[in-house]
Amino acid sequence: MPSVSPNLAAAMAESVKAVADALGRILPQSDFPEKKLFDAMRYGALGGGKRLRPFLVLSSARIFGVSDDCALRAAAAVECVHCYSLVHDDLPAMDNADLRRGQPTVHKKYDEATAVLAGDALLTLAFEILSDPRTHEDPQVRCKLVTALAS
């Protein structure tokens, strides 16, 4: 495997931290009955990974002069979709995986029903993030982002 340049490795590491921090702020938390679901969502989305997709979003956004705050929210949305796909892929009806990134999968740590709901909620959250005015002030841009992600 070819080595990664130090500049690229540093940029990717910076992106990983920025996206993890953004997801940590965006993902819901609660002490009420929905706590289990929110904890499962956070577990599925904050469990590490290379975060390559968000890195590509952030890097592309910089090329086009998109503000870091807007780009970070779009990157977080893309990562929510990716994490949703992993949570659902690990389910017994799919790959029936016990581990993801060396840790118990969401359905093993919680239960199958909670994993289904957590994945569904991560997918829905991605669209909520993109449709939020904090992602972009222009509603036309937000609609285009939602459409692009849906496509």
N, C-alpha and C. Protein backbone atom coordinates (compact mmCIF):
# COMPACT_ATOMS: atom_id res chain seq x y z
N MET A 1 0.85 -1.17 0.00
CA MET A 1 0.00 0.00 0.00
C MET A 1 0.89 1.24 0.00
N PRO A 2 0.59 2.21 -0.88
CA PRO A 2 1.42 3.42 -0.91
C PRO A 2 1.25 4.24 0.35
N SER A 3 2.30 4.96 0.68
CA SER A 3 2.22 5.80 1.88
C SER A 3 1.45 7.08 1.56
N VAL A 4 0.87 7.65 2.59
CA VAL A 4 0.10 8.89 2.46
C VAL A 4 1.03 10.05 2.80
N SER A 5 0.97 11.11 1.99
CA SER A 5 1.83 12.26 2.27
C SER A 5 1.48 12.85 3.63
N PRO A 6 2.47 13.41 4.31
CA PRO A 6 2.20 14.01 5.63
C PRO A 6 1.14 15.10 5.58
N ASN A 7 1.12 15.90 4.51
CA ASN A 7 0.12 16.96 4.39
C ASN A 7 -1.28 16.38 4.27
N LEU A 8 -1.43 15.34 3.47
CA LEU A 8 -2.73 14.70 3.31
C LEU A 8 -3.16 14.04 4.62
N ALA A 9 -2.23 13.35 5.26
CA ALA A 9 -2.55 12.70 6.53
C ALA A 9 -2.99 13.72 7.58
N ALA A 10 -2.32 14.86 7.63
CA ALA A 10 -2.68 15.90 8.59
C ALA A 10 -4.05 16.48 8.25
N ALA A 11 -4.31 16.70 6.97
CA ALA A 11 -5.61 17.24 6.56
C ALA A 11 -6.74 16.26 6.87
N MET A 12 -6.48 15.00 6.64
CA MET A 12 -7.49 13.99 6.94
C MET A 12 -7.73 13.90 8.44
N ALA A 13 -6.68 13.95 9.24
CA ALA A 13 -6.81 13.90 10.70
C ALA A 13 -7.60 15.11 11.21
N GLU A 14 -7.33 16.27 10.64
CA GLU A 14 -8.06 17.48 11.02
C GLU A 14 -9.55 17.33 10.66
N SER A 15 -9.81 16.76 9.51
CA SER A 15 -11.19 16.54 9.07
C SER A 15 -11.91 15.56 9.98
N VAL A 16 -11.25 14.47 10.36
CA VAL A 16 -11.84 13.47 11.25
C VAL A 16 -12.28 14.13 12.55
N LYS A 17 -11.39 14.94 13.12
CA LYS A 17 -11.72 15.60 14.39
C LYS A 17 -12.86 16.59 14.22
N ALA A 18 -12.81 17.39 13.17
CA ALA A 18 -13.84 18.41 12.95
C ALA A 18 -15.20 17.77 12.77
N VAL A 19 -15.27 16.69 11.99
CA VAL A 19 -16.55 16.02 11.74
C VAL A 19 -17.04 15.32 13.00
N ALA A 20 -16.15 14.68 13.73
CA ALA A 20 -16.55 14.03 14.99
C ALA A 20 -17.10 15.06 15.97
N ASP A 21 -16.44 16.21 16.06
CA ASP A 21 -16.91 17.28 16.95
C ASP A 21 -18.28 17.78 16.50
N ALA A 22 -18.44 17.98 15.20
CA ALA A 22 -19.73 18.47 14.67
C ALA A 22 -20.84 17.45 14.93
N LEU A 23 -20.56 16.19 14.67
CA LEU A 23 -21.55 15.15 14.93
C LEU A 23 -21.90 15.08 16.41
N GLY A 24 -20.89 15.23 17.25
CA GLY A 24 -21.13 15.23 18.69
C GLY A 24 -22.07 16.33 19.13
N ARG A 25 -21.98 17.48 18.46
CA ARG A 25 -22.88 18.59 18.77
C ARG A 25 -24.27 18.38 18.16
N ILE A 26 -24.32 17.82 16.96
CA ILE A 26 -25.57 17.69 16.22
C ILE A 26 -26.42 16.52 16.70
N LEU A 27 -25.80 15.41 16.98
CA LEU A 27 -26.57 14.21 17.37
C LEU A 27 -27.30 14.45 18.68
N PRO A 28 -28.56 14.05 18.73
CA PRO A 28 -29.36 14.33 19.92
C PRO A 28 -28.91 13.54 21.14
N GLN A 29 -29.21 14.12 22.31
CA GLN A 29 -28.97 13.47 23.59
C GLN A 29 -30.20 13.70 24.45
N SER A 30 -30.47 12.78 25.36
CA SER A 30 -31.64 12.94 26.21
C SER A 30 -31.53 12.05 27.43
N ASP A 31 -32.22 12.43 28.48
CA ASP A 31 -32.38 11.57 29.65
C ASP A 31 -33.81 11.04 29.73
N PHE A 32 -34.58 11.29 28.71
CA PHE A 32 -35.98 10.88 28.67
C PHE A 32 -36.10 9.51 28.00
N PRO A 33 -37.30 9.00 27.78
CA PRO A 33 -37.46 7.64 27.24
C PRO A 33 -36.72 7.39 25.92
N GLU A 34 -36.50 8.42 25.12
CA GLU A 34 -35.81 8.23 23.84
C GLU A 34 -34.29 8.12 24.00
N LYS A 35 -33.79 8.14 25.22
CA LYS A 35 -32.35 8.08 25.49
C LYS A 35 -31.70 6.87 24.80
N LYS A 36 -32.31 5.72 24.88
CA LYS A 36 -31.72 4.52 24.29
C LYS A 36 -31.52 4.71 22.78
N LEU A 37 -32.52 5.25 22.11
CA LEU A 37 -32.41 5.48 20.68
C LEU A 37 -31.30 6.49 20.38
N PHE A 38 -31.29 7.60 21.11
CA PHE A 38 -30.27 8.62 20.87
C PHE A 38 -28.87 8.08 21.16
N ASP A 39 -28.74 7.29 22.22
CA ASP A 39 -27.45 6.68 22.53
C ASP A 39 -27.00 5.74 21.41
N ALA A 40 -27.93 4.97 20.86
CA ALA A 40 -27.60 4.06 19.76
C ALA A 40 -27.19 4.84 18.51
N MET A 41 -27.87 5.95 18.24
CA MET A 41 -27.48 6.79 17.10
C MET A 41 -26.06 7.31 17.29
N ARG A 42 -25.78 7.81 18.48
CA ARG A 42 -24.45 8.35 18.76
C ARG A 42 -23.39 7.25 18.68
N TYR A 43 -23.73 6.08 19.21
CA TYR A 43 -22.80 4.94 19.17
C TYR A 43 -22.47 4.58 17.72
N GLY A 44 -23.50 4.53 16.88
CA GLY A 44 -23.29 4.16 15.49
C GLY A 44 -22.55 5.21 14.68
N ALA A 45 -22.69 6.47 15.06
CA ALA A 45 -22.08 7.54 14.27
C ALA A 45 -20.75 8.05 14.82
N LEU A 46 -20.52 7.85 16.09
CA LEU A 46 -19.31 8.40 16.70
C LEU A 46 -18.25 7.34 16.99
N GLY A 47 -18.42 6.17 16.43
CA GLY A 47 -17.53 5.05 16.73
C GLY A 47 -16.24 5.02 15.94
N GLY A 48 -15.85 6.11 15.36
CA GLY A 48 -14.59 6.14 14.63
C GLY A 48 -14.78 5.99 13.14
N GLY A 49 -13.73 5.54 12.50
CA GLY A 49 -13.75 5.39 11.05
C GLY A 49 -12.83 6.41 10.40
N LYS A 50 -12.60 6.20 9.13
CA LYS A 50 -11.68 7.06 8.38
C LYS A 50 -12.31 8.41 8.03
N ARG A 51 -13.64 8.46 7.97
CA ARG A 51 -14.36 9.70 7.62
C ARG A 51 -13.91 10.25 6.27
N LEU A 52 -13.70 9.35 5.32
CA LEU A 52 -13.24 9.74 3.98
C LEU A 52 -14.29 10.59 3.27
N ARG A 53 -15.55 10.22 3.36
CA ARG A 53 -16.60 10.98 2.67
C ARG A 53 -16.67 12.42 3.17
N PRO A 54 -16.68 12.64 4.49
CA PRO A 54 -16.67 14.04 4.95
C PRO A 54 -15.40 14.79 4.52
N PHE A 55 -14.28 14.11 4.50
CA PHE A 55 -13.04 14.74 4.05
C PHE A 55 -13.20 15.23 2.62
N LEU A 56 -13.80 14.41 1.77
CA LEU A 56 -14.00 14.81 0.37
C LEU A 56 -14.98 15.98 0.26
N VAL A 57 -16.02 15.97 1.09
CA VAL A 57 -16.97 17.09 1.09
C VAL A 57 -16.25 18.37 1.51
N LEU A 58 -15.51 18.31 2.60
CA LEU A 58 -14.81 19.51 3.09
C LEU A 58 -13.77 20.01 2.09
N SER A 59 -13.03 19.10 1.50
CA SER A 59 -12.01 19.49 0.52
C SER A 59 -12.64 20.11 -0.72
N SER A 60 -13.71 19.51 -1.20
CA SER A 60 -14.40 20.06 -2.37
C SER A 60 -15.00 21.43 -2.06
N ALA A 61 -15.56 21.57 -0.88
CA ALA A 61 -16.17 22.84 -0.49
C ALA A 61 -15.13 23.95 -0.46
N ARG A 62 -13.94 23.64 0.01
CA ARG A 62 -12.89 24.66 0.07
C ARG A 62 -12.51 25.13 -1.34
N ILE A 63 -12.48 24.21 -2.29
CA ILE A 63 -12.16 24.57 -3.67
C ILE A 63 -13.14 25.62 -4.19
N PHE A 64 -14.41 25.49 -3.78
CA PHE A 64 -15.45 26.38 -4.29
C PHE A 64 -15.79 27.53 -3.34
N GLY A 65 -14.97 27.71 -2.31
CA GLY A 65 -15.14 28.85 -1.42
C GLY A 65 -16.32 28.77 -0.48
N VAL A 66 -16.80 27.57 -0.21
CA VAL A 66 -17.91 27.39 0.73
C VAL A 66 -17.36 27.58 2.14
N SER A 67 -18.12 28.28 2.97
CA SER A 67 -17.66 28.52 4.34
C SER A 67 -17.46 27.20 5.07
N ASP A 68 -16.51 27.19 5.98
CA ASP A 68 -16.20 25.97 6.74
C ASP A 68 -17.41 25.48 7.53
N ASP A 69 -18.16 26.39 8.14
CA ASP A 69 -19.32 25.99 8.94
C ASP A 69 -20.37 25.28 8.08
N CYS A 70 -20.67 25.85 6.92
CA CYS A 70 -21.66 25.22 6.02
C CYS A 70 -21.14 23.87 5.52
N ALA A 71 -19.89 23.84 5.13
CA ALA A 71 -19.31 22.61 4.61
C ALA A 71 -19.29 21.51 5.67
N LEU A 72 -18.98 21.89 6.90
CA LEU A 72 -18.92 20.92 7.98
C LEU A 72 -20.29 20.29 8.23
N ARG A 73 -21.33 21.09 8.16
CA ARG A 73 -22.69 20.55 8.33
C ARG A 73 -23.03 19.59 7.18
N ALA A 74 -22.68 19.96 5.96
CA ALA A 74 -22.93 19.07 4.83
C ALA A 74 -22.12 17.78 4.98
N ALA A 75 -20.90 17.89 5.43
CA ALA A 75 -20.07 16.71 5.65
C ALA A 75 -20.66 15.82 6.73
N ALA A 76 -21.19 16.42 7.78
CA ALA A 76 -21.82 15.65 8.85
C ALA A 76 -23.05 14.91 8.32
N ALA A 77 -23.81 15.56 7.45
CA ALA A 77 -24.98 14.92 6.86
C ALA A 77 -24.58 13.70 6.03
N VAL A 78 -23.54 13.86 5.24
CA VAL A 78 -23.06 12.73 4.43
C VAL A 78 -22.59 11.60 5.33
N GLU A 79 -21.93 11.93 6.42
CA GLU A 79 -21.47 10.89 7.34
C GLU A 79 -22.63 10.20 8.04
N CYS A 80 -23.70 10.94 8.33
CA CYS A 80 -24.90 10.32 8.92
C CYS A 80 -25.47 9.27 7.98
N VAL A 81 -25.51 9.58 6.68
CA VAL A 81 -26.02 8.60 5.71
C VAL A 81 -25.11 7.38 5.68
N HIS A 82 -23.81 7.61 5.68
CA HIS A 82 -22.87 6.48 5.67
C HIS A 82 -23.04 5.62 6.92
N CYS A 83 -23.14 6.26 8.08
CA CYS A 83 -23.29 5.50 9.32
C CYS A 83 -24.61 4.74 9.35
N TYR A 84 -25.67 5.37 8.86
CA TYR A 84 -26.95 4.65 8.73
C TYR A 84 -26.77 3.38 7.92
N SER A 85 -26.07 3.49 6.78
CA SER A 85 -25.90 2.32 5.92
C SER A 85 -25.11 1.22 6.62
N LEU A 86 -24.14 1.60 7.45
CA LEU A 86 -23.37 0.59 8.18
C LEU A 86 -24.21 -0.08 9.26
N VAL A 87 -25.00 0.72 9.99
CA VAL A 87 -25.87 0.15 11.04
C VAL A 87 -26.82 -0.86 10.42
N HIS A 88 -27.45 -0.49 9.31
CA HIS A 88 -28.39 -1.42 8.66
C HIS A 88 -27.68 -2.60 8.02
N ASP A 89 -26.50 -2.38 7.46
CA ASP A 89 -25.75 -3.48 6.83
C ASP A 89 -25.36 -4.55 7.84
N ASP A 90 -25.12 -4.14 9.09
CA ASP A 90 -24.71 -5.08 10.13
C ASP A 90 -25.86 -5.91 10.70
N LEU A 91 -27.10 -5.53 10.41
CA LEU A 91 -28.27 -6.20 11.00
C LEU A 91 -28.32 -7.69 10.63
N PRO A 92 -28.99 -8.49 11.46
CA PRO A 92 -29.12 -9.93 11.18
C PRO A 92 -29.72 -10.23 9.81
N ALA A 93 -30.63 -9.41 9.34
CA ALA A 93 -31.24 -9.65 8.02
C ALA A 93 -30.29 -9.36 6.87
N MET A 94 -29.18 -8.70 7.15
CA MET A 94 -28.20 -8.37 6.11
C MET A 94 -26.94 -9.21 6.35
N ASP A 95 -25.88 -8.59 6.88
CA ASP A 95 -24.61 -9.30 7.09
C ASP A 95 -24.53 -10.02 8.43
N ASN A 96 -25.40 -9.65 9.35
CA ASN A 96 -25.40 -10.24 10.70
C ASN A 96 -24.02 -10.14 11.35
N ALA A 97 -23.43 -8.95 11.26
CA ALA A 97 -22.09 -8.75 11.81
C ALA A 97 -22.17 -8.52 13.32
N ASP A 98 -21.18 -9.06 14.00
CA ASP A 98 -21.08 -8.87 15.44
C ASP A 98 -20.23 -7.67 15.81
N LEU A 99 -19.26 -7.35 14.95
CA LEU A 99 -18.32 -6.27 15.24
C LEU A 99 -18.26 -5.27 14.10
N ARG A 100 -18.02 -4.02 14.46
CA ARG A 100 -17.76 -2.95 13.50
C ARG A 100 -16.67 -2.11 14.12
N ARG A 101 -15.56 -1.96 13.41
CA ARG A 101 -14.41 -1.19 13.92
C ARG A 101 -13.93 -1.72 15.26
N GLY A 102 -13.99 -3.05 15.41
CA GLY A 102 -13.51 -3.69 16.63
C GLY A 102 -14.44 -3.60 17.82
N GLN A 103 -15.62 -3.05 17.64
CA GLN A 103 -16.59 -2.89 18.73
C GLN A 103 -17.88 -3.62 18.36
N PRO A 104 -18.69 -3.98 19.36
CA PRO A 104 -19.98 -4.60 19.03
C PRO A 104 -20.82 -3.69 18.12
N THR A 105 -21.47 -4.30 17.15
CA THR A 105 -22.34 -3.53 16.27
C THR A 105 -23.51 -2.96 17.07
N VAL A 106 -24.23 -2.04 16.47
CA VAL A 106 -25.33 -1.38 17.18
C VAL A 106 -26.37 -2.41 17.62
N HIS A 107 -26.71 -3.37 16.75
CA HIS A 107 -27.74 -4.35 17.15
C HIS A 107 -27.24 -5.30 18.24
N LYS A 108 -25.94 -5.48 18.35
CA LYS A 108 -25.39 -6.32 19.42
C LYS A 108 -25.31 -5.54 20.74
N LYS A 109 -24.95 -4.27 20.66
CA LYS A 109 -24.84 -3.47 21.89
C LYS A 109 -26.21 -3.11 22.44
N TYR A 110 -27.15 -2.85 21.58
CA TYR A 110 -28.50 -2.46 22.01
C TYR A 110 -29.45 -3.62 21.71
N ASP A 111 -30.11 -3.59 20.62
CA ASP A 111 -30.93 -4.71 20.15
C ASP A 111 -31.30 -4.41 18.71
N GLU A 112 -31.88 -5.39 18.05
CA GLU A 112 -32.14 -5.25 16.62
C GLU A 112 -33.12 -4.12 16.32
N ALA A 113 -34.21 -4.04 17.06
CA ALA A 113 -35.20 -2.99 16.81
C ALA A 113 -34.59 -1.60 17.01
N THR A 114 -33.80 -1.44 18.05
CA THR A 114 -33.17 -0.14 18.29
C THR A 114 -32.20 0.19 17.17
N ALA A 115 -31.48 -0.80 16.67
CA ALA A 115 -30.55 -0.56 15.56
C ALA A 115 -31.29 -0.11 14.31
N VAL A 116 -32.42 -0.73 14.01
CA VAL A 116 -33.21 -0.32 12.84
C VAL A 116 -33.63 1.13 13.01
N LEU A 117 -34.17 1.46 14.18
CA LEU A 117 -34.62 2.82 14.43
C LEU A 117 -33.46 3.82 14.42
N ALA A 118 -32.33 3.43 14.97
CA ALA A 118 -31.16 4.32 14.99
C ALA A 118 -30.68 4.61 13.57
N GLY A 119 -30.62 3.58 12.75
CA GLY A 119 -30.23 3.79 11.35
C GLY A 119 -31.21 4.69 10.64
N ASP A 120 -32.50 4.41 10.80
CA ASP A 120 -33.52 5.25 10.18
C ASP A 120 -33.39 6.69 10.64
N ALA A 121 -33.16 6.89 11.92
CA ALA A 121 -33.05 8.24 12.47
C ALA A 121 -31.81 8.96 11.95
N LEU A 122 -30.70 8.23 11.77
CA LEU A 122 -29.49 8.85 11.20
C LEU A 122 -29.75 9.32 9.77
N LEU A 123 -30.46 8.52 9.00
CA LEU A 123 -30.79 8.91 7.63
C LEU A 123 -31.66 10.16 7.63
N THR A 124 -32.69 10.16 8.46
CA THR A 124 -33.58 11.31 8.55
C THR A 124 -32.83 12.54 9.03
N LEU A 125 -31.95 12.36 10.00
CA LEU A 125 -31.16 13.47 10.53
C LEU A 125 -30.31 14.12 9.44
N ALA A 126 -29.78 13.32 8.53
CA ALA A 126 -28.96 13.87 7.44
C ALA A 126 -29.75 14.91 6.65
N PHE A 127 -31.00 14.61 6.35
CA PHE A 127 -31.82 15.55 5.60
C PHE A 127 -32.22 16.75 6.46
N GLU A 128 -32.42 16.51 7.74
CA GLU A 128 -32.71 17.62 8.65
C GLU A 128 -31.54 18.59 8.71
N ILE A 129 -30.33 18.07 8.77
CA ILE A 129 -29.13 18.91 8.81
C ILE A 129 -29.06 19.77 7.55
N LEU A 130 -29.26 19.15 6.39
CA LEU A 130 -29.14 19.89 5.14
C LEU A 130 -30.24 20.93 4.96
N SER A 131 -31.41 20.67 5.50
CA SER A 131 -32.53 21.61 5.33
C SER A 131 -32.52 22.74 6.35
N ASP A 132 -31.62 22.68 7.30
CA ASP A 132 -31.54 23.70 8.36
C ASP A 132 -30.86 24.96 7.83
N PRO A 133 -31.40 26.13 8.14
CA PRO A 133 -30.76 27.39 7.70
C PRO A 133 -29.32 27.56 8.16
N ARG A 134 -28.91 26.87 9.20
CA ARG A 134 -27.50 26.96 9.62
C ARG A 134 -26.57 26.31 8.60
N THR A 135 -27.11 25.42 7.77
CA THR A 135 -26.28 24.79 6.74
C THR A 135 -26.04 25.76 5.59
N HIS A 136 -27.06 26.51 5.22
CA HIS A 136 -26.90 27.56 4.21
C HIS A 136 -28.07 28.52 4.33
N GLU A 137 -27.79 29.80 4.22
CA GLU A 137 -28.86 30.80 4.38
C GLU A 137 -29.86 30.79 3.23
N ASP A 138 -29.45 30.35 2.06
CA ASP A 138 -30.31 30.36 0.88
C ASP A 138 -31.14 29.07 0.80
N PRO A 139 -32.47 29.19 0.88
CA PRO A 139 -33.31 27.98 0.84
C PRO A 139 -33.18 27.22 -0.48
N GLN A 140 -32.86 27.92 -1.55
CA GLN A 140 -32.65 27.24 -2.85
C GLN A 140 -31.43 26.31 -2.77
N VAL A 141 -30.39 26.78 -2.14
CA VAL A 141 -29.18 25.96 -1.98
C VAL A 141 -29.50 24.75 -1.10
N ARG A 142 -30.23 24.99 -0.02
CA ARG A 142 -30.59 23.87 0.86
C ARG A 142 -31.42 22.83 0.11
N CYS A 143 -32.35 23.27 -0.71
CA CYS A 143 -33.15 22.33 -1.50
C CYS A 143 -32.28 21.53 -2.46
N LYS A 144 -31.29 22.21 -3.06
CA LYS A 144 -30.38 21.51 -3.98
C LYS A 144 -29.52 20.49 -3.22
N LEU A 145 -29.10 20.84 -2.01
CA LEU A 145 -28.32 19.90 -1.20
C LEU A 145 -29.16 18.66 -0.85
N VAL A 146 -30.39 18.89 -0.43
CA VAL A 146 -31.29 17.78 -0.09
C VAL A 146 -31.51 16.90 -1.31
N THR A 147 -31.77 17.51 -2.45
CA THR A 147 -31.99 16.75 -3.69
C THR A 147 -30.75 15.96 -4.07
N ALA A 148 -29.59 16.59 -3.96
CA ALA A 148 -28.34 15.90 -4.31
C ALA A 148 -28.12 14.70 -3.40
N LEU A 149 -28.36 14.86 -2.11
CA LEU A 149 -28.16 13.73 -1.19
C LEU A 149 -29.18 12.63 -1.46
N ALA A 150 -30.40 13.01 -1.74
CA ALA A 150 -31.44 12.01 -2.03
C ALA A 150 -31.13 11.24 -3.31
N SER A 151 -30.48 11.91 -4.24
CA SER A 151 -30.15 11.25 -5.51
C SER A 151 -28.99 10.29 -5.34
